[in-house]
Full PDB file with SEQRES, HELIX, SHEET, SSBOND, CRYST1, ORIGX, SCALE, CONECT and MASTER records, all heavy atoms in Angstrom:
SEQRES   1 A   40  GLY LEU VAL GLN ALA GLY GLY SER LEU ARG LEU SER CYS          
SEQRES   2 A   40  ALA ALA SER GLY ARG THR SER SER ARG TYR ALA VAL GLY          
SEQRES   3 A   40  TRP PHE ARG GLN ALA PRO GLY LYS LYS ARG GLU PHE VAL          
SEQRES   4 A   40  ALA                                                          
SHEET    1 AA1 2 PHE A  28  ARG A  29  0                                        
SHEET    2 AA1 2 GLU A  37  PHE A  38 -1                                        
CRYST1    1.000    1.000    1.000  90.00  90.00  90.00 P 1           1          
ORIGX1      1.000000  0.000000  0.000000        0.00000                         
ORIGX2      0.000000  1.000000  0.000000        0.00000                         
ORIGX3      0.000000  0.000000  1.000000        0.00000                         
SCALE1      1.000000  0.000000  0.000000        0.00000                         
SCALE2      0.000000  1.000000  0.000000        0.00000                         
SCALE3      0.000000  0.000000  1.000000        0.00000                         
ATOM      1  N   GLY A   1     -27.961 -32.903 -58.790  1.00  0.00           N  
ATOM      2  CA  GLY A   1     -27.997 -33.275 -60.193  1.00  0.00           C  
ATOM      3  C   GLY A   1     -26.797 -32.752 -60.939  1.00  0.00           C  
ATOM      4  O   GLY A   1     -25.806 -32.328 -60.337  1.00  0.00           O  
ATOM      5  N   LEU A   2     -26.897 -32.779 -62.246  1.00  0.00           N  
ATOM      6  CA  LEU A   2     -25.832 -32.327 -63.137  1.00  0.00           C  
ATOM      7  C   LEU A   2     -26.219 -30.996 -63.761  1.00  0.00           C  
ATOM      8  O   LEU A   2     -27.296 -30.878 -64.364  1.00  0.00           O  
ATOM      9  CB  LEU A   2     -25.582 -33.367 -64.228  1.00  0.00           C  
ATOM     10  CG  LEU A   2     -24.607 -32.993 -65.338  1.00  0.00           C  
ATOM     11  CD1 LEU A   2     -23.208 -32.778 -64.771  1.00  0.00           C  
ATOM     12  CD2 LEU A   2     -24.599 -34.075 -66.410  1.00  0.00           C  
ATOM     13  N   VAL A   3     -25.353 -30.005 -63.621  1.00  0.00           N  
ATOM     14  CA  VAL A   3     -25.598 -28.684 -64.201  1.00  0.00           C  
ATOM     15  C   VAL A   3     -24.320 -28.161 -64.832  1.00  0.00           C  
ATOM     16  O   VAL A   3     -23.220 -28.603 -64.506  1.00  0.00           O  
ATOM     17  CB  VAL A   3     -26.107 -27.671 -63.156  1.00  0.00           C  
ATOM     18  CG1 VAL A   3     -27.442 -28.107 -62.577  1.00  0.00           C  
ATOM     19  CG2 VAL A   3     -25.080 -27.489 -62.046  1.00  0.00           C  
ATOM     20  N   GLN A   4     -24.473 -27.205 -65.727  1.00  0.00           N  
ATOM     21  CA  GLN A   4     -23.334 -26.549 -66.345  1.00  0.00           C  
ATOM     22  C   GLN A   4     -22.806 -25.439 -65.447  1.00  0.00           C  
ATOM     23  O   GLN A   4     -23.535 -24.890 -64.619  1.00  0.00           O  
ATOM     24  CB  GLN A   4     -23.720 -25.964 -67.698  1.00  0.00           C  
ATOM     25  CG  GLN A   4     -24.078 -26.991 -68.752  1.00  0.00           C  
ATOM     26  CD  GLN A   4     -24.443 -26.342 -70.070  1.00  0.00           C  
ATOM     27  OE1 GLN A   4     -25.026 -25.267 -70.110  1.00  0.00           O  
ATOM     28  NE2 GLN A   4     -24.096 -27.008 -71.156  1.00  0.00           N  
ATOM     29  N   ALA A   5     -21.541 -25.128 -65.597  1.00  0.00           N  
ATOM     30  CA  ALA A   5     -20.956 -24.018 -64.856  1.00  0.00           C  
ATOM     31  C   ALA A   5     -21.762 -22.745 -65.096  1.00  0.00           C  
ATOM     32  O   ALA A   5     -22.160 -22.446 -66.222  1.00  0.00           O  
ATOM     33  CB  ALA A   5     -19.503 -23.816 -65.263  1.00  0.00           C  
ATOM     34  N   GLY A   6     -21.996 -22.011 -64.025  1.00  0.00           N  
ATOM     35  CA  GLY A   6     -22.813 -20.816 -64.098  1.00  0.00           C  
ATOM     36  C   GLY A   6     -24.282 -21.059 -63.825  1.00  0.00           C  
ATOM     37  O   GLY A   6     -25.044 -20.097 -63.651  1.00  0.00           O  
ATOM     38  N   GLY A   7     -24.680 -22.317 -63.766  1.00  0.00           N  
ATOM     39  CA  GLY A   7     -26.067 -22.657 -63.514  1.00  0.00           C  
ATOM     40  C   GLY A   7     -26.419 -22.659 -62.043  1.00  0.00           C  
ATOM     41  O   GLY A   7     -25.606 -22.309 -61.187  1.00  0.00           O  
ATOM     42  N   SER A   8     -27.641 -23.093 -61.747  1.00  0.00           N  
ATOM     43  CA  SER A   8     -28.153 -23.059 -60.384  1.00  0.00           C  
ATOM     44  C   SER A   8     -28.819 -24.370 -60.013  1.00  0.00           C  
ATOM     45  O   SER A   8     -29.341 -25.085 -60.865  1.00  0.00           O  
ATOM     46  CB  SER A   8     -29.172 -21.924 -60.217  1.00  0.00           C  
ATOM     47  OG  SER A   8     -28.595 -20.659 -60.461  1.00  0.00           O  
ATOM     48  N   LEU A   9     -28.803 -24.665 -58.725  1.00  0.00           N  
ATOM     49  CA  LEU A   9     -29.524 -25.783 -58.152  1.00  0.00           C  
ATOM     50  C   LEU A   9     -30.067 -25.365 -56.801  1.00  0.00           C  
ATOM     51  O   LEU A   9     -29.478 -24.510 -56.132  1.00  0.00           O  
ATOM     52  CB  LEU A   9     -28.631 -27.010 -57.967  1.00  0.00           C  
ATOM     53  CG  LEU A   9     -28.298 -27.872 -59.181  1.00  0.00           C  
ATOM     54  CD1 LEU A   9     -27.291 -28.947 -58.774  1.00  0.00           C  
ATOM     55  CD2 LEU A   9     -29.551 -28.503 -59.760  1.00  0.00           C  
ATOM     56  N   ARG A  10     -31.159 -25.982 -56.400  1.00  0.00           N  
ATOM     57  CA  ARG A  10     -31.726 -25.750 -55.081  1.00  0.00           C  
ATOM     58  C   ARG A  10     -31.843 -27.078 -54.357  1.00  0.00           C  
ATOM     59  O   ARG A  10     -32.623 -27.948 -54.757  1.00  0.00           O  
ATOM     60  CB  ARG A  10     -33.095 -25.087 -55.177  1.00  0.00           C  
ATOM     61  CG  ARG A  10     -33.616 -24.573 -53.829  1.00  0.00           C  
ATOM     62  CD  ARG A  10     -35.079 -24.217 -53.909  1.00  0.00           C  
ATOM     63  NE  ARG A  10     -35.513 -23.390 -52.789  1.00  0.00           N  
ATOM     64  CZ  ARG A  10     -36.779 -23.222 -52.428  1.00  0.00           C  
ATOM     65  NH1 ARG A  10     -37.743 -23.812 -53.111  1.00  0.00           N  
ATOM     66  NH2 ARG A  10     -37.074 -22.449 -51.396  1.00  0.00           N  
ATOM     67  N   LEU A  11     -31.082 -27.230 -53.289  1.00  0.00           N  
ATOM     68  CA  LEU A  11     -31.117 -28.436 -52.489  1.00  0.00           C  
ATOM     69  C   LEU A  11     -32.117 -28.289 -51.351  1.00  0.00           C  
ATOM     70  O   LEU A  11     -32.306 -27.199 -50.814  1.00  0.00           O  
ATOM     71  CB  LEU A  11     -29.736 -28.746 -51.907  1.00  0.00           C  
ATOM     72  CG  LEU A  11     -28.570 -28.840 -52.897  1.00  0.00           C  
ATOM     73  CD1 LEU A  11     -27.304 -29.247 -52.152  1.00  0.00           C  
ATOM     74  CD2 LEU A  11     -28.883 -29.813 -54.019  1.00  0.00           C  
ATOM     75  N   SER A  12     -32.733 -29.402 -50.988  1.00  0.00           N  
ATOM     76  CA  SER A  12     -33.672 -29.433 -49.876  1.00  0.00           C  
ATOM     77  C   SER A  12     -33.228 -30.451 -48.851  1.00  0.00           C  
ATOM     78  O   SER A  12     -32.683 -31.502 -49.197  1.00  0.00           O  
ATOM     79  CB  SER A  12     -35.082 -29.790 -50.357  1.00  0.00           C  
ATOM     80  OG  SER A  12     -35.576 -28.832 -51.257  1.00  0.00           O  
ATOM     81  N   CYS A  13     -33.467 -30.148 -47.597  1.00  0.00           N  
ATOM     82  CA  CYS A  13     -33.205 -31.054 -46.488  1.00  0.00           C  
ATOM     83  C   CYS A  13     -34.476 -31.152 -45.670  1.00  0.00           C  
ATOM     84  O   CYS A  13     -34.840 -30.205 -44.961  1.00  0.00           O  
ATOM     85  CB  CYS A  13     -32.039 -30.542 -45.634  1.00  0.00           C  
ATOM     86  SG  CYS A  13     -31.728 -31.508 -44.138  1.00  0.00           S  
ATOM     87  N   ALA A  14     -35.154 -32.279 -45.780  1.00  0.00           N  
ATOM     88  CA  ALA A  14     -36.415 -32.484 -45.087  1.00  0.00           C  
ATOM     89  C   ALA A  14     -36.196 -33.319 -43.832  1.00  0.00           C  
ATOM     90  O   ALA A  14     -35.575 -34.376 -43.885  1.00  0.00           O  
ATOM     91  CB  ALA A  14     -37.421 -33.172 -46.007  1.00  0.00           C  
ATOM     92  N   ALA A  15     -36.719 -32.845 -42.718  1.00  0.00           N  
ATOM     93  CA  ALA A  15     -36.567 -33.527 -41.439  1.00  0.00           C  
ATOM     94  C   ALA A  15     -37.875 -34.183 -41.016  1.00  0.00           C  
ATOM     95  O   ALA A  15     -38.960 -33.645 -41.244  1.00  0.00           O  
ATOM     96  CB  ALA A  15     -36.111 -32.549 -40.361  1.00  0.00           C  
ATOM     97  N   SER A  16     -37.754 -35.339 -40.401  1.00  0.00           N  
ATOM     98  CA  SER A  16     -38.909 -36.036 -39.860  1.00  0.00           C  
ATOM     99  C   SER A  16     -38.511 -36.721 -38.567  1.00  0.00           C  
ATOM    100  O   SER A  16     -37.334 -36.799 -38.228  1.00  0.00           O  
ATOM    101  CB  SER A  16     -39.468 -37.049 -40.857  1.00  0.00           C  
ATOM    102  OG  SER A  16     -38.500 -38.036 -41.164  1.00  0.00           O  
ATOM    103  N   GLY A  17     -39.500 -37.230 -37.843  1.00  0.00           N  
ATOM    104  CA  GLY A  17     -39.239 -37.837 -36.559  1.00  0.00           C  
ATOM    105  C   GLY A  17     -39.363 -36.811 -35.452  1.00  0.00           C  
ATOM    106  O   GLY A  17     -40.276 -35.983 -35.465  1.00  0.00           O  
ATOM    107  N   ARG A  18     -38.430 -36.858 -34.514  1.00  0.00           N  
ATOM    108  CA  ARG A  18     -38.453 -35.942 -33.377  1.00  0.00           C  
ATOM    109  C   ARG A  18     -37.780 -34.628 -33.753  1.00  0.00           C  
ATOM    110  O   ARG A  18     -36.590 -34.417 -33.492  1.00  0.00           O  
ATOM    111  CB  ARG A  18     -37.770 -36.578 -32.168  1.00  0.00           C  
ATOM    112  CG  ARG A  18     -37.891 -35.768 -30.898  1.00  0.00           C  
ATOM    113  CD  ARG A  18     -37.235 -36.468 -29.737  1.00  0.00           C  
ATOM    114  NE  ARG A  18     -37.270 -35.673 -28.527  1.00  0.00           N  
ATOM    115  CZ  ARG A  18     -36.776 -36.035 -27.359  1.00  0.00           C  
ATOM    116  NH1 ARG A  18     -36.197 -37.220 -27.242  1.00  0.00           N  
ATOM    117  NH2 ARG A  18     -36.852 -35.232 -26.319  1.00  0.00           N  
ATOM    118  N   THR A  19     -38.546 -33.760 -34.361  1.00  0.00           N  
ATOM    119  CA  THR A  19     -38.024 -32.476 -34.814  1.00  0.00           C  
ATOM    120  C   THR A  19     -38.466 -31.357 -33.879  1.00  0.00           C  
ATOM    121  O   THR A  19     -39.519 -31.416 -33.252  1.00  0.00           O  
ATOM    122  CB  THR A  19     -38.511 -32.159 -36.230  1.00  0.00           C  
ATOM    123  OG1 THR A  19     -39.934 -32.093 -36.246  1.00  0.00           O  
ATOM    124  CG2 THR A  19     -38.054 -33.228 -37.204  1.00  0.00           C  
ATOM    125  N   SER A  20     -37.653 -30.324 -33.803  1.00  0.00           N  
ATOM    126  CA  SER A  20     -37.976 -29.136 -33.037  1.00  0.00           C  
ATOM    127  C   SER A  20     -37.073 -27.993 -33.474  1.00  0.00           C  
ATOM    128  O   SER A  20     -36.056 -28.202 -34.139  1.00  0.00           O  
ATOM    129  CB  SER A  20     -37.837 -29.379 -31.533  1.00  0.00           C  
ATOM    130  OG  SER A  20     -36.491 -29.329 -31.127  1.00  0.00           O  
ATOM    131  N   SER A  21     -37.445 -26.786 -33.065  1.00  0.00           N  
ATOM    132  CA  SER A  21     -36.673 -25.606 -33.425  1.00  0.00           C  
ATOM    133  C   SER A  21     -35.367 -25.477 -32.641  1.00  0.00           C  
ATOM    134  O   SER A  21     -34.614 -24.531 -32.856  1.00  0.00           O  
ATOM    135  CB  SER A  21     -37.520 -24.350 -33.214  1.00  0.00           C  
ATOM    136  OG  SER A  21     -37.907 -24.230 -31.849  1.00  0.00           O  
ATOM    137  N   ARG A  22     -35.093 -26.420 -31.762  1.00  0.00           N  
ATOM    138  CA  ARG A  22     -33.871 -26.370 -30.967  1.00  0.00           C  
ATOM    139  C   ARG A  22     -32.620 -26.694 -31.778  1.00  0.00           C  
ATOM    140  O   ARG A  22     -31.511 -26.498 -31.307  1.00  0.00           O  
ATOM    141  CB  ARG A  22     -33.965 -27.318 -29.781  1.00  0.00           C  
ATOM    142  CG  ARG A  22     -34.126 -28.784 -30.171  1.00  0.00           C  
ATOM    143  CD  ARG A  22     -34.459 -29.609 -28.937  1.00  0.00           C  
ATOM    144  NE  ARG A  22     -34.820 -30.974 -29.276  1.00  0.00           N  
ATOM    145  CZ  ARG A  22     -33.980 -32.000 -29.277  1.00  0.00           C  
ATOM    146  NH1 ARG A  22     -32.712 -31.815 -28.948  1.00  0.00           N  
ATOM    147  NH2 ARG A  22     -34.406 -33.211 -29.591  1.00  0.00           N  
ATOM    148  N   TYR A  23     -32.778 -27.179 -32.986  1.00  0.00           N  
ATOM    149  CA  TYR A  23     -31.648 -27.566 -33.820  1.00  0.00           C  
ATOM    150  C   TYR A  23     -31.199 -26.441 -34.725  1.00  0.00           C  
ATOM    151  O   TYR A  23     -32.003 -25.765 -35.352  1.00  0.00           O  
ATOM    152  CB  TYR A  23     -32.009 -28.765 -34.694  1.00  0.00           C  
ATOM    153  CG  TYR A  23     -32.193 -30.058 -33.947  1.00  0.00           C  
ATOM    154  CD1 TYR A  23     -33.430 -30.688 -33.933  1.00  0.00           C  
ATOM    155  CD2 TYR A  23     -31.134 -30.650 -33.278  1.00  0.00           C  
ATOM    156  CE1 TYR A  23     -33.603 -31.883 -33.257  1.00  0.00           C  
ATOM    157  CE2 TYR A  23     -31.301 -31.842 -32.598  1.00  0.00           C  
ATOM    158  CZ  TYR A  23     -32.539 -32.454 -32.591  1.00  0.00           C  
ATOM    159  OH  TYR A  23     -32.717 -33.643 -31.924  1.00  0.00           O  
ATOM    160  N   ALA A  24     -29.883 -26.262 -34.787  1.00  0.00           N  
ATOM    161  CA  ALA A  24     -29.276 -25.508 -35.858  1.00  0.00           C  
ATOM    162  C   ALA A  24     -29.036 -26.468 -37.020  1.00  0.00           C  
ATOM    163  O   ALA A  24     -28.829 -27.663 -36.804  1.00  0.00           O  
ATOM    164  CB  ALA A  24     -27.957 -24.882 -35.407  1.00  0.00           C  
ATOM    165  N   VAL A  25     -29.063 -25.958 -38.230  1.00  0.00           N  
ATOM    166  CA  VAL A  25     -28.956 -26.806 -39.414  1.00  0.00           C  
ATOM    167  C   VAL A  25     -27.803 -26.344 -40.280  1.00  0.00           C  
ATOM    168  O   VAL A  25     -27.615 -25.141 -40.486  1.00  0.00           O  
ATOM    169  CB  VAL A  25     -30.264 -26.796 -40.223  1.00  0.00           C  
ATOM    170  CG1 VAL A  25     -30.172 -27.757 -41.404  1.00  0.00           C  
ATOM    171  CG2 VAL A  25     -31.448 -27.153 -39.337  1.00  0.00           C  
ATOM    172  N   GLY A  26     -27.053 -27.299 -40.789  1.00  0.00           N  
ATOM    173  CA  GLY A  26     -25.917 -26.964 -41.628  1.00  0.00           C  
ATOM    174  C   GLY A  26     -25.845 -27.816 -42.879  1.00  0.00           C  
ATOM    175  O   GLY A  26     -26.381 -28.925 -42.923  1.00  0.00           O  
ATOM    176  N   TRP A  27     -25.183 -27.266 -43.887  1.00  0.00           N  
ATOM    177  CA  TRP A  27     -24.880 -27.981 -45.108  1.00  0.00           C  
ATOM    178  C   TRP A  27     -23.376 -28.198 -45.201  1.00  0.00           C  
ATOM    179  O   TRP A  27     -22.586 -27.296 -44.898  1.00  0.00           O  
ATOM    180  CB  TRP A  27     -25.347 -27.216 -46.344  1.00  0.00           C  
ATOM    181  CG  TRP A  27     -26.828 -27.268 -46.579  1.00  0.00           C  
ATOM    182  CD1 TRP A  27     -27.752 -26.339 -46.212  1.00  0.00           C  
ATOM    183  CD2 TRP A  27     -27.540 -28.304 -47.259  1.00  0.00           C  
ATOM    184  NE1 TRP A  27     -29.004 -26.733 -46.614  1.00  0.00           N  
ATOM    185  CE2 TRP A  27     -28.905 -27.932 -47.255  1.00  0.00           C  
ATOM    186  CE3 TRP A  27     -27.172 -29.504 -47.865  1.00  0.00           C  
ATOM    187  CZ2 TRP A  27     -29.897 -28.724 -47.843  1.00  0.00           C  
ATOM    188  CZ3 TRP A  27     -28.149 -30.288 -48.438  1.00  0.00           C  
ATOM    189  CH2 TRP A  27     -29.491 -29.893 -48.425  1.00  0.00           C  
ATOM    190  N   PHE A  28     -22.988 -29.382 -45.659  1.00  0.00           N  
ATOM    191  CA  PHE A  28     -21.594 -29.756 -45.815  1.00  0.00           C  
ATOM    192  C   PHE A  28     -21.415 -30.408 -47.175  1.00  0.00           C  
ATOM    193  O   PHE A  28     -22.379 -30.819 -47.811  1.00  0.00           O  
ATOM    194  CB  PHE A  28     -21.160 -30.724 -44.712  1.00  0.00           C  
ATOM    195  CG  PHE A  28     -21.379 -30.192 -43.326  1.00  0.00           C  
ATOM    196  CD1 PHE A  28     -22.624 -30.271 -42.728  1.00  0.00           C  
ATOM    197  CD2 PHE A  28     -20.338 -29.605 -42.628  1.00  0.00           C  
ATOM    198  CE1 PHE A  28     -22.835 -29.777 -41.446  1.00  0.00           C  
ATOM    199  CE2 PHE A  28     -20.532 -29.107 -41.353  1.00  0.00           C  
ATOM    200  CZ  PHE A  28     -21.786 -29.191 -40.764  1.00  0.00           C  
ATOM    201  N   ARG A  29     -20.186 -30.521 -47.604  1.00  0.00           N  
ATOM    202  CA  ARG A  29     -19.914 -31.220 -48.850  1.00  0.00           C  
ATOM    203  C   ARG A  29     -18.581 -31.932 -48.763  1.00  0.00           C  
ATOM    204  O   ARG A  29     -17.699 -31.556 -48.000  1.00  0.00           O  
ATOM    205  CB  ARG A  29     -19.923 -30.255 -50.035  1.00  0.00           C  
ATOM    206  CG  ARG A  29     -18.822 -29.209 -50.024  1.00  0.00           C  
ATOM    207  CD  ARG A  29     -19.038 -28.207 -51.147  1.00  0.00           C  
ATOM    208  NE  ARG A  29     -17.969 -27.230 -51.224  1.00  0.00           N  
ATOM    209  CZ  ARG A  29     -17.977 -26.181 -52.038  1.00  0.00           C  
ATOM    210  NH1 ARG A  29     -19.005 -25.974 -52.850  1.00  0.00           N  
ATOM    211  NH2 ARG A  29     -16.943 -25.342 -52.035  1.00  0.00           N  
ATOM    212  N   GLN A  30     -18.453 -32.971 -49.563  1.00  0.00           N  
ATOM    213  CA  GLN A  30     -17.218 -33.726 -49.615  1.00  0.00           C  
ATOM    214  C   GLN A  30     -16.978 -34.206 -51.036  1.00  0.00           C  
ATOM    215  O   GLN A  30     -17.811 -34.897 -51.613  1.00  0.00           O  
ATOM    216  CB  GLN A  30     -17.252 -34.913 -48.659  1.00  0.00           C  
ATOM    217  CG  GLN A  30     -15.917 -35.630 -48.542  1.00  0.00           C  
ATOM    218  CD  GLN A  30     -15.861 -36.558 -47.349  1.00  0.00           C  
ATOM    219  OE1 GLN A  30     -16.882 -36.945 -46.791  1.00  0.00           O  
ATOM    220  NE2 GLN A  30     -14.655 -36.911 -46.945  1.00  0.00           N  
ATOM    221  N   ALA A  31     -15.852 -33.812 -51.574  1.00  0.00           N  
ATOM    222  CA  ALA A  31     -15.440 -34.230 -52.901  1.00  0.00           C  
ATOM    223  C   ALA A  31     -14.429 -35.353 -52.780  1.00  0.00           C  
ATOM    224  O   ALA A  31     -13.749 -35.480 -51.754  1.00  0.00           O  
ATOM    225  CB  ALA A  31     -14.838 -33.051 -53.663  1.00  0.00           C  
ATOM    226  N   PRO A  32     -14.289 -36.182 -53.811  1.00  0.00           N  
ATOM    227  CA  PRO A  32     -13.311 -37.277 -53.764  1.00  0.00           C  
ATOM    228  C   PRO A  32     -11.910 -36.771 -53.466  1.00  0.00           C  
ATOM    229  O   PRO A  32     -11.434 -35.814 -54.075  1.00  0.00           O  
ATOM    230  CB  PRO A  32     -13.401 -37.879 -55.168  1.00  0.00           C  
ATOM    231  CG  PRO A  32     -14.779 -37.554 -55.624  1.00  0.00           C  
ATOM    232  CD  PRO A  32     -15.064 -36.194 -55.054  1.00  0.00           C  
ATOM    233  N   GLY A  33     -11.247 -37.419 -52.509  1.00  0.00           N  
ATOM    234  CA  GLY A  33      -9.892 -37.054 -52.153  1.00  0.00           C  
ATOM    235  C   GLY A  33      -9.769 -35.832 -51.270  1.00  0.00           C  
ATOM    236  O   GLY A  33      -8.653 -35.412 -50.959  1.00  0.00           O  
ATOM    237  N   LYS A  34     -10.883 -35.252 -50.865  1.00  0.00           N  
ATOM    238  CA  LYS A  34     -10.853 -34.065 -50.029  1.00  0.00           C  
ATOM    239  C   LYS A  34     -11.583 -34.302 -48.713  1.00  0.00           C  
ATOM    240  O   LYS A  34     -12.410 -35.202 -48.603  1.00  0.00           O  
ATOM    241  CB  LYS A  34     -11.475 -32.867 -50.749  1.00  0.00           C  
ATOM    242  CG  LYS A  34     -10.696 -32.395 -51.960  1.00  0.00           C  
ATOM    243  CD  LYS A  34     -11.267 -31.102 -52.503  1.00  0.00           C  
ATOM    244  CE  LYS A  34     -10.443 -30.569 -53.661  1.00  0.00           C  
ATOM    245  NZ  LYS A  34     -10.985 -29.276 -54.168  1.00  0.00           N  
ATOM    246  N   LYS A  35     -11.272 -33.482 -47.745  1.00  0.00           N  
ATOM    247  CA  LYS A  35     -11.915 -33.551 -46.442  1.00  0.00           C  
ATOM    248  C   LYS A  35     -13.326 -32.974 -46.518  1.00  0.00           C  
ATOM    249  O   LYS A  35     -13.668 -32.228 -47.449  1.00  0.00           O  
ATOM    250  CB  LYS A  35     -11.089 -32.817 -45.392  1.00  0.00           C  
ATOM    251  CG  LYS A  35     -11.210 -31.287 -45.426  1.00  0.00           C  
ATOM    252  CD  LYS A  35     -10.681 -30.679 -46.713  1.00  0.00           C  
ATOM    253  CE  LYS A  35     -11.007 -29.190 -46.787  1.00  0.00           C  
ATOM    254  NZ  LYS A  35     -10.615 -28.613 -48.090  1.00  0.00           N  
ATOM    255  N   ARG A  36     -14.127 -33.314 -45.537  1.00  0.00           N  
ATOM    256  CA  ARG A  36     -15.463 -32.740 -45.450  1.00  0.00           C  
ATOM    257  C   ARG A  36     -15.356 -31.245 -45.200  1.00  0.00           C  
ATOM    258  O   ARG A  36     -14.550 -30.787 -44.389  1.00  0.00           O  
ATOM    259  CB  ARG A  36     -16.253 -33.423 -44.336  1.00  0.00           C  
ATOM    260  CG  ARG A  36     -17.693 -32.950 -44.219  1.00  0.00           C  
ATOM    261  CD  ARG A  36     -18.451 -33.803 -43.209  1.00  0.00           C  
ATOM    262  NE  ARG A  36     -17.818 -33.766 -41.897  1.00  0.00           N  
ATOM    263  CZ  ARG A  36     -18.177 -34.530 -40.878  1.00  0.00           C  
ATOM    264  NH1 ARG A  36     -19.157 -35.419 -41.030  1.00  0.00           N  
ATOM    265  NH2 ARG A  36     -17.553 -34.429 -39.718  1.00  0.00           N  
ATOM    266  N   GLU A  37     -16.175 -30.477 -45.881  1.00  0.00           N  
ATOM    267  CA  GLU A  37     -16.099 -29.029 -45.840  1.00  0.00           C  
ATOM    268  C   GLU A  37     -17.424 -28.422 -45.401  1.00  0.00           C  
ATOM    269  O   GLU A  37     -18.493 -28.817 -45.872  1.00  0.00           O  
ATOM    270  CB  GLU A  37     -15.715 -28.496 -47.231  1.00  0.00           C  
ATOM    271  CG  GLU A  37     -15.658 -26.993 -47.350  1.00  0.00           C  
ATOM    272  CD  GLU A  37     -15.406 -26.533 -48.773  1.00  0.00           C  
ATOM    273  OE1 GLU A  37     -15.410 -27.385 -49.682  1.00  0.00           O  
ATOM    274  OE2 GLU A  37     -15.196 -25.327 -48.984  1.00  0.00           O  
ATOM    275  N   PHE A  38     -17.341 -27.457 -44.520  1.00  0.00           N  
ATOM    276  CA  PHE A  38     -18.520 -26.706 -44.119  1.00  0.00           C  
ATOM    277  C   PHE A  38     -18.938 -25.775 -45.247  1.00  0.00           C  
ATOM    278  O   PHE A  38     -18.093 -25.135 -45.878  1.00  0.00           O  
ATOM    279  CB  PHE A  38     -18.232 -25.895 -42.854  1.00  0.00           C  
ATOM    280  CG  PHE A  38     -19.276 -24.869 -42.547  1.00  0.00           C  
ATOM    281  CD1 PHE A  38     -20.487 -25.235 -41.991  1.00  0.00           C  
ATOM    282  CD2 PHE A  38     -19.055 -23.531 -42.826  1.00  0.00           C  
ATOM    283  CE1 PHE A  38     -21.464 -24.292 -41.712  1.00  0.00           C  
ATOM    284  CE2 PHE A  38     -20.016 -22.577 -42.553  1.00  0.00           C  
ATOM    285  CZ  PHE A  38     -21.226 -22.962 -41.995  1.00  0.00           C  
ATOM    286  N   VAL A  39     -20.229 -25.682 -45.482  1.00  0.00           N  
ATOM    287  CA  VAL A  39     -20.753 -24.836 -46.548  1.00  0.00           C  
ATOM    288  C   VAL A  39     -21.577 -23.682 -45.998  1.00  0.00           C  
ATOM    289  O   VAL A  39     -21.307 -22.518 -46.287  1.00  0.00           O  
ATOM    290  CB  VAL A  39     -21.607 -25.651 -47.539  1.00  0.00           C  
ATOM    291  CG1 VAL A  39     -22.233 -24.734 -48.589  1.00  0.00           C  
ATOM    292  CG2 VAL A  39     -20.762 -26.728 -48.206  1.00  0.00           C  
ATOM    293  N   ALA A  40     -22.597 -23.993 -45.211  1.00  0.00           N  
ATOM    294  CA  ALA A  40     -23.492 -22.962 -44.695  1.00  0.00           C  
ATOM    295  C   ALA A  40     -24.261 -23.502 -43.505  1.00  0.00           C  
ATOM    296  O   ALA A  40     -24.429 -24.714 -43.348  1.00  0.00           O  
ATOM    297  CB  ALA A  40     -24.471 -22.489 -45.775  1.00  0.00           C  
TER     298      ALA A  40                                                      
MASTER        0    0    0    0    2    0    0    6  297    1    0    4          
END                                                                             
């Protein structure tokens, strides 16, 4: 969503289908004109 500088957001990633604990999970981001970036 849209927030002011200094604010907070909580993102969720919900998995369905063939799920298991064998997966590591990561967050990435991509801004216009920039490469995809690893976040966490």
